Amino acid sequence: MKGLMLTLISAGFLCLIPGALWLRDRNLSEDDAAAAVRPLARIPLHQFEESGSSAVIFTIPNDAQWKRIRSAWGEPAYLVAAVEQPEGHRMILCLDQLGMRVEATRQSGPVELRTAKGCCPYGFFAACPDSGLEFRATPGNDITLHAASTAHSLPKGELIVICNWNDLKDKIVGIMLAEDLWRISKFATPAGLILMLSGVSLLVRRRVQRRR
C-alpha cells in the first residue's frame, strides 16, 4: 500500500512538471512571434521600374502586443532590405546592384541609416556581405521611407522594413518549446492532480484505518 501511494504521488508530481515549465517560460505566443517578424512596410520592386521612385509611410508598432514583445525580447533595430521572392527562398539583394538609394524621415527630421553589417536576419539569405540598411526608432514614430532606383530592370520582389532582432532563432525556438509544453500540460496537469489526490486519499484512508 505504501509503495502504491508513493508511486501515485511521484507520478502525479512528474505530470505537473510540463505545466510548471510553461508557467515559467510563457512570455510570448506563436502569434506574437509572427507579429515580431512580419514586415512593417513593403514597396514592390516593379514600382521603381514604372516611376523610378516610391515612398511609404508606416508606424513603429506600440500596441499592447508589441509592448509585450519588447518586454521579452528588448528593443530591435529596423532593417531596410530588398528581398527577392519574399514568399519563397527570401534572398536579400544588394541595394547598390539594384541602383537603389534609400532615405528615411520622421516628424523631427531625417532618420540615420547605417549599413547593416554581419549576417542577414534569421530566415533570410544574403547575396552580398551587407544585408541592407539599419536604423533605430522610438515606438509610435511615423516613418516615411523614400527610395529610388536607376535600374531599368529589377527582379521580382519587394523593398521591406523588418525588425532585426538579436538571436532571433533562439527566441523562436524558445516560443515553440513553450507552446509544446502548453499542449502537453493541458493533459498532463489534470492527470497529475488526479494521481496526487489518489495517493493522498490512500494515505489518509490508511491513517484512519490505523486509528480504529
Protein backbone atom coordinates (compact mmCIF):
# COMPACT_ATOMS: atom_id res chain seq x y z
CA MET A 1 0.00 0.00 0.00
CA LYS A 2 2.76 2.45 0.93
CA GLY A 3 4.59 1.74 -2.32
CA LEU A 4 1.42 2.41 -4.32
CA MET A 5 0.87 5.73 -2.54
CA LEU A 6 4.41 6.89 -3.22
CA THR A 7 4.13 5.80 -6.87
CA LEU A 8 0.90 7.73 -7.38
CA ILE A 9 2.24 10.89 -5.74
CA SER A 10 5.56 10.72 -7.60
CA ALA A 11 3.86 10.10 -10.96
CA GLY A 12 1.48 12.98 -10.30
CA PHE A 13 4.36 15.29 -9.47
CA LEU A 14 6.15 14.38 -12.72
CA CYS A 15 2.98 15.11 -14.70
CA LEU A 16 2.90 18.63 -13.21
CA ILE A 17 6.41 19.48 -14.43
CA PRO A 18 5.43 20.49 -18.05
CA GLY A 19 2.84 22.92 -16.69
CA ALA A 20 5.32 24.41 -14.24
CA LEU A 21 7.90 24.90 -17.02
CA TRP A 22 5.26 26.51 -19.24
CA LEU A 23 4.29 28.96 -16.48
CA ARG A 24 7.97 29.88 -16.11
CA ASP A 25 8.60 30.41 -19.85
CA ARG A 26 5.24 31.65 -21.17
CA ASN A 27 6.38 35.13 -22.18
CA LEU A 28 5.18 35.16 -25.78
CA SER A 29 2.94 33.11 -28.07
CA GLU A 30 3.44 31.96 -31.65
CA ASP A 31 1.14 34.82 -32.74
CA ASP A 32 3.49 37.26 -31.00
CA ALA A 33 6.48 35.72 -32.80
CA ALA A 34 4.69 36.01 -36.16
CA ALA A 35 3.95 39.69 -35.49
CA ALA A 36 7.58 40.33 -34.47
CA VAL A 37 8.97 39.12 -37.82
CA ARG A 38 6.22 40.47 -40.09
CA PRO A 39 7.37 43.31 -42.40
CA LEU A 40 6.31 46.76 -41.20
CA ALA A 41 6.35 48.23 -44.72
CA ARG A 42 6.54 46.91 -48.30
CA ILE A 43 7.24 48.51 -51.67
CA PRO A 44 7.04 46.20 -54.73
CA LEU A 45 10.20 46.50 -56.82
CA HIS A 46 8.22 46.83 -60.05
CA GLN A 47 7.10 50.29 -58.89
CA PHE A 48 10.66 51.54 -59.40
CA GLU A 49 10.65 50.32 -63.00
CA GLU A 50 7.46 52.32 -63.61
CA SER A 51 8.29 55.60 -61.87
CA GLY A 52 11.90 55.38 -60.71
CA SER A 53 10.98 56.14 -57.11
CA SER A 54 8.42 55.35 -54.46
CA ALA A 55 7.61 56.12 -50.82
CA VAL A 56 5.69 54.55 -47.96
CA ILE A 57 4.65 55.79 -44.52
CA PHE A 58 4.50 53.35 -41.61
CA THR A 59 4.33 53.48 -37.82
CA ILE A 60 6.71 51.76 -35.42
CA PRO A 61 4.28 49.47 -33.54
CA ASN A 62 3.48 50.33 -29.95
CA ASP A 63 0.28 48.48 -29.07
CA ALA A 64 -0.19 46.05 -26.18
CA GLN A 65 1.15 43.11 -28.16
CA TRP A 66 4.33 44.97 -29.14
CA LYS A 67 4.89 46.21 -25.61
CA ARG A 68 4.75 42.55 -24.54
CA ILE A 69 7.20 41.58 -27.30
CA ARG A 70 9.68 44.32 -26.35
CA SER A 71 9.40 43.41 -22.68
CA ALA A 72 10.52 39.87 -23.52
CA TRP A 73 12.94 40.48 -26.43
CA GLY A 74 14.19 44.03 -25.93
CA GLU A 75 14.25 46.87 -28.46
CA PRO A 76 15.04 45.81 -32.05
CA ALA A 77 16.88 47.57 -34.83
CA TYR A 78 14.93 48.06 -38.06
CA LEU A 79 16.27 46.73 -41.35
CA VAL A 80 15.53 48.10 -44.83
CA ALA A 81 16.24 45.39 -47.40
CA ALA A 82 15.36 44.42 -50.96
CA VAL A 83 14.06 40.86 -50.92
CA GLU A 84 13.66 38.68 -53.99
CA GLN A 85 10.57 36.48 -53.90
CA PRO A 86 9.81 37.09 -50.21
CA GLU A 87 7.38 34.17 -50.02
CA GLY A 88 9.98 31.73 -51.40
CA HIS A 89 13.66 31.46 -50.57
CA ARG A 90 13.76 35.04 -49.17
CA MET A 91 17.01 36.18 -50.76
CA ILE A 92 18.23 39.64 -49.71
CA LEU A 93 19.60 41.52 -52.73
CA CYS A 94 22.40 44.07 -52.84
CA LEU A 95 20.96 47.60 -52.88
CA ASP A 96 23.90 49.01 -54.84
CA GLN A 97 23.47 46.40 -57.57
CA LEU A 98 19.84 47.49 -57.88
CA GLY A 99 20.94 51.12 -58.23
CA MET A 100 18.81 51.90 -55.20
CA ARG A 101 19.09 54.88 -52.90
CA VAL A 102 17.06 54.96 -49.68
CA GLU A 103 16.23 57.78 -47.26
CA ALA A 104 14.03 57.84 -44.18
CA THR A 105 12.47 60.73 -42.30
CA ARG A 106 10.23 61.30 -39.30
CA GLN A 107 8.45 64.37 -37.98
CA SER A 108 11.54 65.57 -36.16
CA GLY A 109 13.82 65.21 -39.19
CA PRO A 110 15.99 62.66 -41.04
CA VAL A 111 16.46 59.14 -39.75
CA GLU A 112 20.07 57.95 -39.72
CA LEU A 113 20.51 54.89 -41.92
CA ARG A 114 23.59 52.73 -41.42
CA THR A 115 24.85 49.79 -43.41
CA ALA A 116 23.76 46.57 -41.72
CA LYS A 117 26.91 44.58 -41.12
CA GLY A 118 27.20 40.87 -40.50
CA CYS A 119 24.85 38.03 -41.27
CA CYS A 120 21.34 38.63 -42.50
CA PRO A 121 18.32 38.10 -40.20
CA TYR A 122 17.25 34.56 -39.38
CA GLY A 123 15.18 33.07 -42.20
CA PHE A 124 16.87 35.13 -44.95
CA PHE A 125 19.83 34.57 -47.24
CA ALA A 126 22.08 37.39 -48.42
CA ALA A 127 23.51 37.88 -51.89
CA CYS A 128 26.19 40.27 -50.58
CA PRO A 129 28.08 40.95 -47.31
CA ASP A 130 25.83 43.88 -46.39
CA SER A 131 22.21 42.83 -45.84
CA GLY A 132 20.70 46.30 -46.17
CA LEU A 133 20.33 49.50 -44.16
CA GLU A 134 19.60 49.64 -40.45
CA PHE A 135 18.09 52.33 -38.25
CA ARG A 136 16.73 52.88 -34.75
CA ALA A 137 13.38 54.43 -33.95
CA THR A 138 11.13 55.14 -30.99
CA PRO A 139 7.91 53.11 -30.67
CA GLY A 140 4.99 55.08 -32.07
CA ASN A 141 7.11 57.11 -34.50
CA ASP A 142 5.71 57.65 -38.00
CA ILE A 143 8.47 56.90 -40.52
CA THR A 144 8.44 57.92 -44.18
CA LEU A 145 10.65 55.75 -46.36
CA HIS A 146 11.77 57.25 -49.69
CA ALA A 147 13.51 55.02 -52.23
CA ALA A 148 14.67 55.50 -55.82
CA SER A 149 16.35 53.20 -58.34
CA THR A 150 18.22 53.92 -61.57
CA ALA A 151 17.91 50.32 -62.77
CA HIS A 152 15.80 49.70 -65.87
CA SER A 153 15.04 46.10 -64.94
CA LEU A 154 14.56 44.72 -61.42
CA PRO A 155 13.88 41.19 -60.18
CA LYS A 156 10.53 40.20 -58.75
CA GLY A 157 10.47 41.15 -55.10
CA GLU A 158 9.95 43.92 -52.56
CA LEU A 159 11.74 46.57 -50.57
CA ILE A 160 10.73 45.80 -46.98
CA VAL A 161 11.25 47.08 -43.45
CA ILE A 162 11.54 44.40 -40.79
CA CYS A 163 12.70 44.16 -37.20
CA ASN A 164 16.29 42.92 -36.90
CA TRP A 165 16.25 41.02 -33.59
CA ASN A 166 19.32 39.65 -31.84
CA ASP A 167 19.37 35.83 -31.54
CA LEU A 168 16.02 35.52 -33.31
CA LYS A 169 16.38 31.78 -33.92
CA ASP A 170 16.83 31.08 -30.20
CA LYS A 171 13.84 33.27 -29.37
CA ILE A 172 11.57 31.46 -31.83
CA VAL A 173 12.74 28.02 -30.69
CA GLY A 174 12.01 29.03 -27.09
CA ILE A 175 8.44 30.01 -28.02
CA MET A 176 7.92 26.74 -29.91
CA LEU A 177 9.11 24.74 -26.90
CA ALA A 178 6.81 26.72 -24.60
CA GLU A 179 3.85 26.03 -26.92
CA ASP A 180 4.70 22.31 -26.91
CA LEU A 181 4.84 22.37 -23.11
CA TRP A 182 1.42 24.03 -23.02
CA ARG A 183 -0.10 21.36 -25.27
CA ILE A 184 1.39 18.60 -23.11
CA SER A 185 0.41 20.27 -19.83
CA LYS A 186 -3.28 20.53 -20.85
CA PHE A 187 -3.48 16.76 -20.46
CA ALA A 188 -0.63 16.06 -18.05
CA THR A 189 -1.64 18.58 -15.37
CA PRO A 190 -5.16 17.19 -14.75
CA ALA A 191 -3.75 13.66 -14.80
CA GLY A 192 -1.05 14.68 -12.32
CA LEU A 193 -3.56 16.23 -9.96
CA ILE A 194 -5.74 13.11 -10.09
CA LEU A 195 -2.76 10.86 -9.37
CA MET A 196 -1.57 13.00 -6.46
CA LEU A 197 -5.07 13.24 -4.99
CA SER A 198 -5.42 9.49 -5.30
CA GLY A 199 -2.13 8.98 -3.48
CA VAL A 200 -3.10 11.44 -0.73
CA SER A 201 -6.52 9.78 -0.45
CA LEU A 202 -4.91 6.39 0.09
CA LEU A 203 -2.60 7.91 2.71
CA VAL A 204 -5.50 9.46 4.61
CA ARG A 205 -7.51 6.23 4.42
CA ARG A 206 -4.55 4.25 5.73
CA ARG A 207 -4.12 6.58 8.72
CA VAL A 208 -7.83 6.42 9.53
CA GLN A 209 -7.74 2.63 9.48
CA ARG A 210 -4.74 2.62 11.84
CA ARG A 211 -6.58 4.74 14.39
CA ARG A 212 -9.50 2.33 14.56
